[in-house]
N, C-alpha and C. Protein backbone atom coordinates (compact mmCIF):
# COMPACT_ATOMS: atom_id res chain seq x y z
N MET A 1 0.93 -1.30 -0.17
CA MET A 1 0.08 -0.25 -0.05
C MET A 1 0.67 1.16 0.11
N LEU A 2 2.31 1.17 0.93
CA LEU A 2 2.94 2.28 0.90
C LEU A 2 3.62 2.67 -0.65
N LYS A 3 3.33 1.37 -1.28
CA LYS A 3 4.39 1.94 -2.66
C LYS A 3 3.29 2.86 -3.74
N PHE A 4 2.31 2.51 -3.43
CA PHE A 4 0.85 3.27 -4.19
C PHE A 4 0.68 4.39 -3.76
N LEU A 5 0.39 5.02 -2.45
CA LEU A 5 0.87 6.28 -2.06
C LEU A 5 2.05 6.89 -2.71
N LEU A 6 3.46 6.35 -2.53
CA LEU A 6 4.71 7.13 -3.02
C LEU A 6 4.62 7.08 -4.70
N LEU A 7 4.09 6.12 -5.49
CA LEU A 7 3.60 6.07 -6.62
C LEU A 7 3.00 7.56 -7.00
N ALA A 8 1.84 7.47 -6.35
CA ALA A 8 0.92 8.49 -6.30
C ALA A 8 1.40 9.82 -6.15
N VAL A 9 2.40 10.24 -5.13
CA VAL A 9 2.98 10.90 -5.00
C VAL A 9 4.27 11.90 -6.07
N LEU A 10 4.67 10.80 -6.58
CA LEU A 10 5.50 10.67 -7.37
C LEU A 10 5.01 10.93 -8.80
N VAL A 11 3.93 10.98 -9.17
CA VAL A 11 3.10 11.09 -10.26
C VAL A 11 2.95 12.67 -10.18
N LEU A 12 2.20 12.76 -9.13
CA LEU A 12 1.65 14.18 -8.98
C LEU A 12 2.92 15.26 -8.83
N TRP A 13 3.72 14.97 -8.38
CA TRP A 13 4.89 15.81 -8.22
C TRP A 13 5.42 16.45 -9.71
N LEU A 14 5.75 15.20 -10.39
CA LEU A 14 6.00 15.25 -11.70
C LEU A 14 5.13 15.93 -12.93
N LEU A 15 3.76 15.63 -12.30
CA LEU A 15 2.81 16.53 -13.31
C LEU A 15 2.50 18.29 -13.12
N TYR A 16 2.85 18.28 -11.82
CA TYR A 16 3.19 19.74 -11.35
C TYR A 16 4.49 20.17 -11.52
N SER A 17 5.61 19.48 -11.54
CA SER A 17 6.67 20.58 -11.42
C SER A 17 6.90 21.12 -12.82
N PRO A 18 7.62 22.13 -12.99
CA PRO A 18 7.53 23.31 -13.79
C PRO A 18 8.68 23.32 -14.87
N GLY A 19 9.16 22.11 -14.81
CA GLY A 19 10.23 21.65 -15.90
C GLY A 19 9.41 20.51 -16.60
N VAL A 20 9.31 19.44 -16.12
CA VAL A 20 8.80 18.75 -16.44
C VAL A 20 7.10 19.36 -17.36
N ARG A 21 6.46 20.21 -16.92
CA ARG A 21 5.17 20.88 -17.82
C ARG A 21 5.75 21.65 -18.91
N ARG A 22 6.72 22.18 -18.88
CA ARG A 22 7.69 22.74 -20.13
C ARG A 22 8.13 21.78 -20.78
N LEU A 23 8.59 20.25 -20.74
CA LEU A 23 8.79 19.51 -21.46
C LEU A 23 8.35 18.70 -21.99
N VAL A 24 6.85 18.67 -21.21
CA VAL A 24 5.46 17.94 -22.02
C VAL A 24 5.29 19.21 -23.23
N ARG A 25 5.46 20.56 -23.11
CA ARG A 25 4.46 21.29 -23.50
C ARG A 25 5.07 21.41 -24.75
N GLY A 26 6.62 21.33 -24.88
CA GLY A 26 7.52 21.01 -25.77
C GLY A 26 7.78 22.61 -26.07
N LEU A 27 7.67 23.29 -25.52
CA LEU A 27 8.56 24.62 -25.30
C LEU A 27 8.02 25.57 -26.68
N ARG A 28 6.58 25.12 -26.46
CA ARG A 28 5.66 25.99 -27.74
C ARG A 28 6.22 27.21 -28.14
N ALA A 29 6.53 28.18 -28.99
CA ALA A 29 6.72 29.45 -29.18
C ALA A 29 5.69 30.42 -28.90
N ASP A 30 4.16 29.89 -28.82
CA ASP A 30 3.43 31.20 -28.57
C ASP A 30 3.40 31.13 -27.03
N GLU A 31 3.78 30.69 -26.24
CA GLU A 31 3.68 30.61 -24.66
C GLU A 31 5.06 30.91 -24.46
N PRO A 32 5.04 31.97 -23.83
CA PRO A 32 6.45 32.16 -23.04
C PRO A 32 6.78 31.38 -21.75
N ASP A 33 8.32 31.36 -21.26
CA ASP A 33 8.58 30.92 -20.32
C ASP A 33 8.71 31.55 -19.26
N SER A 34 8.05 31.22 -17.91
CA SER A 34 8.64 31.63 -17.12
C SER A 34 9.68 32.42 -16.62
N ASP A 35 10.78 31.73 -16.83
CA ASP A 35 12.12 32.15 -16.63
C ASP A 35 12.41 33.05 -17.67
N ALA A 36 12.21 33.21 -18.83
CA ALA A 36 12.54 33.96 -19.75
C ALA A 36 11.90 35.41 -20.03
N PRO A 37 12.59 36.32 -20.20
CA PRO A 37 11.35 37.77 -20.28
C PRO A 37 10.75 37.96 -21.39
N ALA A 38 9.71 38.23 -21.13
CA ALA A 38 8.58 38.26 -22.01
C ALA A 38 8.87 39.49 -23.14
N PRO A 39 8.79 38.98 -24.54
CA PRO A 39 9.42 39.69 -25.81
C PRO A 39 8.07 40.86 -25.72
N THR A 40 8.64 42.23 -26.14
CA THR A 40 7.90 43.35 -26.56
C THR A 40 7.35 43.42 -27.83
N ARG A 41 5.93 43.49 -27.47
CA ARG A 41 5.18 43.79 -28.71
C ARG A 41 4.81 44.97 -29.14
N ARG A 42 5.31 45.81 -30.11
CA ARG A 42 4.48 47.05 -30.78
C ARG A 42 3.14 47.00 -30.62
N ALA A 43 2.88 48.29 -30.36
CA ALA A 43 1.23 47.94 -30.51
C ALA A 43 0.97 48.69 -31.93
N PRO A 44 -0.10 48.46 -32.76
CA PRO A 44 -0.17 48.45 -34.21
C PRO A 44 -0.47 49.92 -34.15
N ALA A 45 0.16 50.54 -35.46
CA ALA A 45 -0.11 52.18 -35.77
C ALA A 45 -1.44 52.43 -35.97
N PRO A 46 -1.64 53.56 -35.04
CA PRO A 46 -3.22 53.88 -35.43
C PRO A 46 -3.66 54.43 -36.47
N PRO A 47 -5.06 54.07 -36.43
CA PRO A 47 -4.78 54.33 -38.49
C PRO A 47 -5.25 56.29 -38.76
N GLN A 48 -4.97 56.06 -40.20
CA GLN A 48 -4.33 57.74 -40.72
C GLN A 48 -5.89 58.16 -40.97
N PRO A 49 -5.45 59.32 -40.63
CA PRO A 49 -7.10 59.97 -41.11
C PRO A 49 -7.43 60.18 -42.08
N LEU A 50 -8.66 59.89 -42.95
CA LEU A 50 -8.84 60.07 -44.08
C LEU A 50 -9.26 61.70 -45.08
N THR A 51 -9.41 62.13 -45.98
CA THR A 51 -9.33 63.25 -46.39
C THR A 51 -10.85 62.70 -46.71
N MET A 52 -12.00 63.90 -46.26
CA MET A 52 -12.94 63.85 -46.51
C MET A 52 -13.34 65.30 -47.62
N VAL A 53 -13.94 64.95 -48.89
CA VAL A 53 -14.43 66.19 -49.60
C VAL A 53 -16.23 66.14 -49.93
N PRO A 54 -16.44 67.10 -50.36
CA PRO A 54 -17.93 67.10 -50.62
C PRO A 54 -18.25 66.52 -51.98
N CYS A 55 -19.36 66.05 -51.94
CA CYS A 55 -20.08 66.00 -53.32
C CYS A 55 -20.33 66.90 -53.71
N ALA A 56 -20.05 67.49 -55.36
CA ALA A 56 -20.28 68.82 -55.88
C ALA A 56 -21.97 68.80 -56.33
N ARG A 57 -22.02 67.84 -56.61
CA ARG A 57 -23.89 67.77 -56.54
C ARG A 57 -25.01 67.91 -55.38
N CYS A 58 -24.90 66.98 -54.49
CA CYS A 58 -25.56 67.09 -53.04
C CYS A 58 -24.89 67.32 -51.71
N GLY A 59 -22.97 67.47 -52.22
CA GLY A 59 -22.93 67.84 -50.66
C GLY A 59 -22.30 66.79 -49.35
N ILE A 60 -22.46 65.79 -50.26
CA ILE A 60 -22.19 64.96 -48.90
C ILE A 60 -21.02 64.38 -48.98
N HIS A 61 -20.28 64.26 -47.78
CA HIS A 61 -18.94 64.33 -47.72
C HIS A 61 -18.31 63.23 -47.49
N LEU A 62 -17.48 62.73 -48.60
CA LEU A 62 -17.27 61.36 -48.39
C LEU A 62 -15.65 61.05 -48.85
N PRO A 63 -14.94 59.72 -48.57
CA PRO A 63 -13.60 59.91 -48.46
C PRO A 63 -13.23 60.05 -50.05
N SER A 64 -11.98 61.07 -49.86
CA SER A 64 -11.36 61.25 -51.28
C SER A 64 -10.96 60.15 -52.30
N SER A 65 -10.65 59.06 -51.75
CA SER A 65 -10.07 57.80 -52.33
C SER A 65 -11.50 56.94 -52.87
N GLU A 66 -12.51 57.77 -52.32
CA GLU A 66 -14.29 57.05 -52.83
C GLU A 66 -14.64 57.79 -53.78
N ALA A 67 -14.15 59.30 -53.90
CA ALA A 67 -15.19 59.76 -54.76
C ALA A 67 -14.80 59.68 -56.37
N LEU A 68 -15.90 59.90 -57.17
CA LEU A 68 -15.41 60.38 -58.92
C LEU A 68 -15.07 61.75 -58.66
N VAL A 69 -13.94 61.78 -59.67
CA VAL A 69 -13.69 63.24 -60.14
C VAL A 69 -13.83 63.18 -61.76
N ASP A 70 -14.61 64.39 -61.99
CA ASP A 70 -14.97 65.22 -63.50
C ASP A 70 -13.69 65.55 -63.68
N ASP A 71 -13.95 66.12 -65.05
CA ASP A 71 -12.86 66.61 -66.14
C ASP A 71 -12.04 67.80 -65.21
N ALA A 72 -12.93 68.61 -64.69
CA ALA A 72 -12.52 69.76 -64.08
C ALA A 72 -12.07 69.34 -62.94
N GLY A 73 -11.84 68.07 -61.90
CA GLY A 73 -11.38 67.85 -61.09
C GLY A 73 -12.35 68.15 -59.39
N ARG A 74 -13.61 68.20 -59.89
CA ARG A 74 -14.56 68.34 -58.88
C ARG A 74 -15.06 66.75 -58.34
N PRO A 75 -15.06 66.72 -57.47
CA PRO A 75 -15.36 65.22 -56.41
C PRO A 75 -16.96 65.23 -56.78
N PHE A 76 -17.10 63.66 -57.03
CA PHE A 76 -18.42 63.43 -56.67
C PHE A 76 -18.75 61.97 -56.15
N CYS A 77 -20.29 62.14 -55.23
CA CYS A 77 -20.21 60.40 -54.75
C CYS A 77 -20.83 59.52 -55.73
N SER A 78 -21.63 59.68 -56.90
CA SER A 78 -21.75 58.84 -57.68
C SER A 78 -21.90 58.98 -59.35
N GLU A 79 -21.64 57.75 -60.06
CA GLU A 79 -21.60 58.21 -61.35
C GLU A 79 -22.96 58.89 -61.64
N ALA A 80 -24.02 58.76 -61.40
CA ALA A 80 -25.22 59.79 -61.71
C ALA A 80 -24.81 61.12 -61.16
N HIS A 81 -24.39 61.41 -60.19
CA HIS A 81 -24.43 62.61 -59.90
C HIS A 81 -23.34 63.37 -60.63
N ARG A 82 -22.16 62.66 -60.88
CA ARG A 82 -21.07 63.03 -62.24
C ARG A 82 -21.77 63.18 -63.83
N ARG A 83 -22.19 62.57 -63.70
CA ARG A 83 -23.04 62.78 -65.11
C ARG A 83 -23.95 64.03 -65.33
N ALA A 84 -24.47 64.33 -63.77
CA ALA A 84 -25.45 65.30 -64.08
C ALA A 84 -24.68 66.58 -63.81
N GLY A 85 -23.53 66.47 -62.97
CA GLY A 85 -22.60 67.41 -63.31
C GLY A 85 -23.14 68.42 -61.59
N PRO A 86 -22.09 69.70 -61.52
CA PRO A 86 -22.37 70.45 -60.09
C PRO A 86 -24.09 70.71 -60.19
N ARG A 87 -23.80 71.15 -58.68
CA ARG A 87 -25.39 71.67 -58.62
C ARG A 87 -25.81 73.31 -58.89
N GLN A 88 -26.36 73.69 -59.41
CA GLN A 88 -26.48 74.94 -59.63
C GLN A 88 -26.97 76.08 -58.60
N SER A 89 -26.09 77.13 -58.22
CA SER A 89 -26.98 77.77 -57.25
C SER A 89 -27.31 78.97 -57.26
């Protein structure tokens, strides 16, 4: 009976031993060692603000990268507004 108790203690010690757990895990790269310093990670760069332009027809603001431009360089929000031309004031 004492042999089984000693065997159980040995197995539990091996399961909870940090060195054995590290060996069993295989030292995966995504899990840092408790002994090794944590790698420094850079925060992602914040997104750059978009330049907004008003549609020459309806006045709605849209990103300049999505605007349709006519021959005169005026931005429009859609092909229909580009064909209709700028608003007559």
